Amino acid sequence: MGPQLKQYIGSQVALARRRAKLTQEQVAEQVERTVEAISNIERAKSLPTLETLTRLAKVLKMPLRSFFPEETY
Protein backbone atom coordinates (compact mmCIF):
# COMPACT_ATOMS: atom_id res chain seq x y z
CA MET A 1 0.00 0.00 0.00
CA GLY A 2 1.72 3.06 -1.25
CA PRO A 3 1.45 6.72 -0.48
CA GLN A 4 -1.19 7.17 -3.18
CA LEU A 5 -3.59 4.88 -1.31
CA LYS A 6 -3.04 6.76 1.96
CA GLN A 7 -3.64 10.04 0.12
CA TYR A 8 -6.81 8.73 -1.53
CA ILE A 9 -8.27 7.31 1.68
CA GLY A 10 -7.40 10.48 3.58
CA SER A 11 -9.04 12.73 1.03
CA GLN A 12 -12.16 10.54 0.96
CA VAL A 13 -12.45 10.64 4.76
CA ALA A 14 -12.01 14.42 4.86
CA LEU A 15 -14.50 14.98 2.03
CA ALA A 16 -17.13 12.70 3.58
CA ARG A 17 -16.63 14.31 6.99
CA ARG A 18 -17.12 17.80 5.59
CA ARG A 19 -20.18 16.70 3.62
CA ALA A 20 -21.63 15.26 6.82
CA LYS A 21 -20.89 18.61 8.52
CA LEU A 22 -18.92 16.90 11.27
CA THR A 23 -15.76 18.08 12.99
CA GLN A 24 -12.73 15.87 13.44
CA GLU A 25 -13.56 15.87 17.14
CA GLN A 26 -17.09 14.55 16.52
CA VAL A 27 -15.85 11.83 14.18
CA ALA A 28 -13.08 10.83 16.56
CA GLU A 29 -15.54 10.45 19.42
CA GLN A 30 -17.95 8.38 17.36
CA VAL A 31 -15.29 6.01 15.99
CA GLU A 32 -13.51 5.82 19.36
CA ARG A 33 -10.22 7.20 18.07
CA THR A 34 -8.26 10.32 18.95
CA VAL A 35 -8.59 13.60 17.07
CA GLU A 36 -4.92 13.20 16.20
CA ALA A 37 -5.64 9.82 14.61
CA ILE A 38 -8.41 11.27 12.42
CA SER A 39 -6.20 14.20 11.47
CA ASN A 40 -3.33 11.85 10.57
CA ILE A 41 -5.65 9.78 8.38
CA GLU A 42 -7.00 12.84 6.58
CA ARG A 43 -3.48 14.21 6.00
CA ALA A 44 -2.24 10.81 4.75
CA LYS A 45 0.22 10.53 7.63
CA SER A 46 -1.17 7.16 8.67
CA LEU A 47 -3.22 4.39 7.14
CA PRO A 48 -6.29 3.42 9.17
CA THR A 49 -6.96 -0.16 10.17
CA LEU A 50 -9.84 -2.03 8.59
CA GLU A 51 -11.69 -1.72 11.90
CA THR A 52 -11.28 2.07 11.87
CA LEU A 53 -12.34 2.28 8.21
CA THR A 54 -15.43 0.22 8.99
CA ARG A 55 -16.33 2.55 11.84
CA LEU A 56 -15.70 5.61 9.66
CA ALA A 57 -17.93 4.21 6.93
CA LYS A 58 -20.75 3.73 9.42
CA VAL A 59 -20.39 7.18 11.00
CA LEU A 60 -20.04 8.92 7.63
CA LYS A 61 -22.85 6.83 6.11
CA MET A 62 -20.91 5.62 3.12
CA PRO A 63 -19.97 2.21 1.74
CA LEU A 64 -16.58 0.88 2.80
CA ARG A 65 -15.50 0.55 -0.83
CA SER A 66 -15.80 4.33 -1.23
CA PHE A 67 -12.50 4.69 0.59
CA PHE A 68 -10.64 2.85 -2.19
CA PRO A 69 -9.97 3.86 -5.79
CA GLU A 70 -11.95 1.76 -8.26
CA GLU A 71 -8.83 0.29 -9.84
CA THR A 72 -7.97 -1.49 -6.57
CA TYR A 73 -10.98 -3.85 -6.70
C-alpha atoms as a PDB file:
ATOM      1  CA  MET A   1       0.000   0.000   0.000  1.00  0.00           C
ATOM      2  CA  GLY A   2       1.721   3.065  -1.253  1.00  0.00           C
ATOM      3  CA  PRO A   3       1.449   6.724  -0.480  1.00  0.00           C
ATOM      4  CA  GLN A   4      -1.193   7.165  -3.183  1.00  0.00           C
ATOM      5  CA  LEU A   5      -3.586   4.883  -1.314  1.00  0.00           C
ATOM      6  CA  LYS A   6      -3.043   6.760   1.955  1.00  0.00           C
ATOM      7  CA  GLN A   7      -3.645  10.037   0.120  1.00  0.00           C
ATOM      8  CA  TYR A   8      -6.813   8.726  -1.530  1.00  0.00           C
ATOM      9  CA  ILE A   9      -8.267   7.308   1.684  1.00  0.00           C
ATOM     10  CA  GLY A  10      -7.397  10.479   3.584  1.00  0.00           C
ATOM     11  CA  SER A  11      -9.041  12.729   1.034  1.00  0.00           C
ATOM     12  CA  GLN A  12     -12.163  10.540   0.957  1.00  0.00           C
ATOM     13  CA  VAL A  13     -12.454  10.637   4.755  1.00  0.00           C
ATOM     14  CA  ALA A  14     -12.006  14.416   4.860  1.00  0.00           C
ATOM     15  CA  LEU A  15     -14.496  14.978   2.032  1.00  0.00           C
ATOM     16  CA  ALA A  16     -17.128  12.700   3.582  1.00  0.00           C
ATOM     17  CA  ARG A  17     -16.631  14.306   6.994  1.00  0.00           C
ATOM     18  CA  ARG A  18     -17.122  17.803   5.591  1.00  0.00           C
ATOM     19  CA  ARG A  19     -20.182  16.701   3.619  1.00  0.00           C
ATOM     20  CA  ALA A  20     -21.634  15.260   6.823  1.00  0.00           C
ATOM     21  CA  LYS A  21     -20.891  18.611   8.518  1.00  0.00           C
ATOM     22  CA  LEU A  22     -18.920  16.902  11.271  1.00  0.00           C
ATOM     23  CA  THR A  23     -15.763  18.077  12.987  1.00  0.00           C
ATOM     24  CA  GLN A  24     -12.729  15.871  13.444  1.00  0.00           C
ATOM     25  CA  GLU A  25     -13.561  15.869  17.141  1.00  0.00           C
ATOM     26  CA  GLN A  26     -17.089  14.555  16.520  1.00  0.00           C
ATOM     27  CA  VAL A  27     -15.853  11.828  14.176  1.00  0.00           C
ATOM     28  CA  ALA A  28     -13.080  10.828  16.561  1.00  0.00           C
ATOM     29  CA  GLU A  29     -15.538  10.454  19.415  1.00  0.00           C
ATOM     30  CA  GLN A  30     -17.949   8.375  17.355  1.00  0.00           C
ATOM     31  CA  VAL A  31     -15.290   6.009  15.988  1.00  0.00           C
ATOM     32  CA  GLU A  32     -13.508   5.822  19.359  1.00  0.00           C
ATOM     33  CA  ARG A  33     -10.218   7.199  18.068  1.00  0.00           C
ATOM     34  CA  THR A  34      -8.262  10.321  18.945  1.00  0.00           C
ATOM     35  CA  VAL A  35      -8.587  13.599  17.069  1.00  0.00           C
ATOM     36  CA  GLU A  36      -4.921  13.204  16.198  1.00  0.00           C
ATOM     37  CA  ALA A  37      -5.636   9.816  14.611  1.00  0.00           C
ATOM     38  CA  ILE A  38      -8.410  11.270  12.424  1.00  0.00           C
ATOM     39  CA  SER A  39      -6.200  14.203  11.474  1.00  0.00           C
ATOM     40  CA  ASN A  40      -3.334  11.854  10.566  1.00  0.00           C
ATOM     41  CA  ILE A  41      -5.652   9.777   8.375  1.00  0.00           C
ATOM     42  CA  GLU A  42      -6.996  12.840   6.577  1.00  0.00           C
ATOM     43  CA  ARG A  43      -3.475  14.209   6.004  1.00  0.00           C
ATOM     44  CA  ALA A  44      -2.241  10.809   4.751  1.00  0.00           C
ATOM     45  CA  LYS A  45       0.220  10.530   7.631  1.00  0.00           C
ATOM     46  CA  SER A  46      -1.166   7.155   8.666  1.00  0.00           C
ATOM     47  CA  LEU A  47      -3.218   4.385   7.139  1.00  0.00           C
ATOM     48  CA  PRO A  48      -6.293   3.421   9.166  1.00  0.00           C
ATOM     49  CA  THR A  49      -6.963  -0.161  10.165  1.00  0.00           C
ATOM     50  CA  LEU A  50      -9.844  -2.034   8.590  1.00  0.00           C
ATOM     51  CA  GLU A  51     -11.689  -1.718  11.902  1.00  0.00           C
ATOM     52  CA  THR A  52     -11.283   2.067  11.870  1.00  0.00           C
ATOM     53  CA  LEU A  53     -12.336   2.282   8.210  1.00  0.00           C
ATOM     54  CA  THR A  54     -15.428   0.217   8.987  1.00  0.00           C
ATOM     55  CA  ARG A  55     -16.332   2.547  11.836  1.00  0.00           C
ATOM     56  CA  LEU A  56     -15.697   5.613   9.661  1.00  0.00           C
ATOM     57  CA  ALA A  57     -17.931   4.210   6.926  1.00  0.00           C
ATOM     58  CA  LYS A  58     -20.747   3.731   9.416  1.00  0.00           C
ATOM     59  CA  VAL A  59     -20.389   7.177  11.000  1.00  0.00           C
ATOM     60  CA  LEU A  60     -20.037   8.917   7.633  1.00  0.00           C
ATOM     61  CA  LYS A  61     -22.853   6.829   6.113  1.00  0.00           C
ATOM     62  CA  MET A  62     -20.908   5.618   3.120  1.00  0.00           C
ATOM     63  CA  PRO A  63     -19.970   2.210   1.738  1.00  0.00           C
ATOM     64  CA  LEU A  64     -16.582   0.877   2.803  1.00  0.00           C
ATOM     65  CA  ARG A  65     -15.500   0.547  -0.828  1.00  0.00           C
ATOM     66  CA  SER A  66     -15.804   4.331  -1.233  1.00  0.00           C
ATOM     67  CA  PHE A  67     -12.498   4.688   0.588  1.00  0.00           C
ATOM     68  CA  PHE A  68     -10.642   2.849  -2.187  1.00  0.00           C
ATOM     69  CA  PRO A  69      -9.972   3.860  -5.790  1.00  0.00           C
ATOM     70  CA  GLU A  70     -11.949   1.756  -8.256  1.00  0.00           C
ATOM     71  CA  GLU A  71      -8.826   0.288  -9.843  1.00  0.00           C
ATOM     72  CA  THR A  72      -7.969  -1.495  -6.569  1.00  0.00           C
ATOM     73  CA  TYR A  73     -10.982  -3.852  -6.698  1.00  0.00           C
END
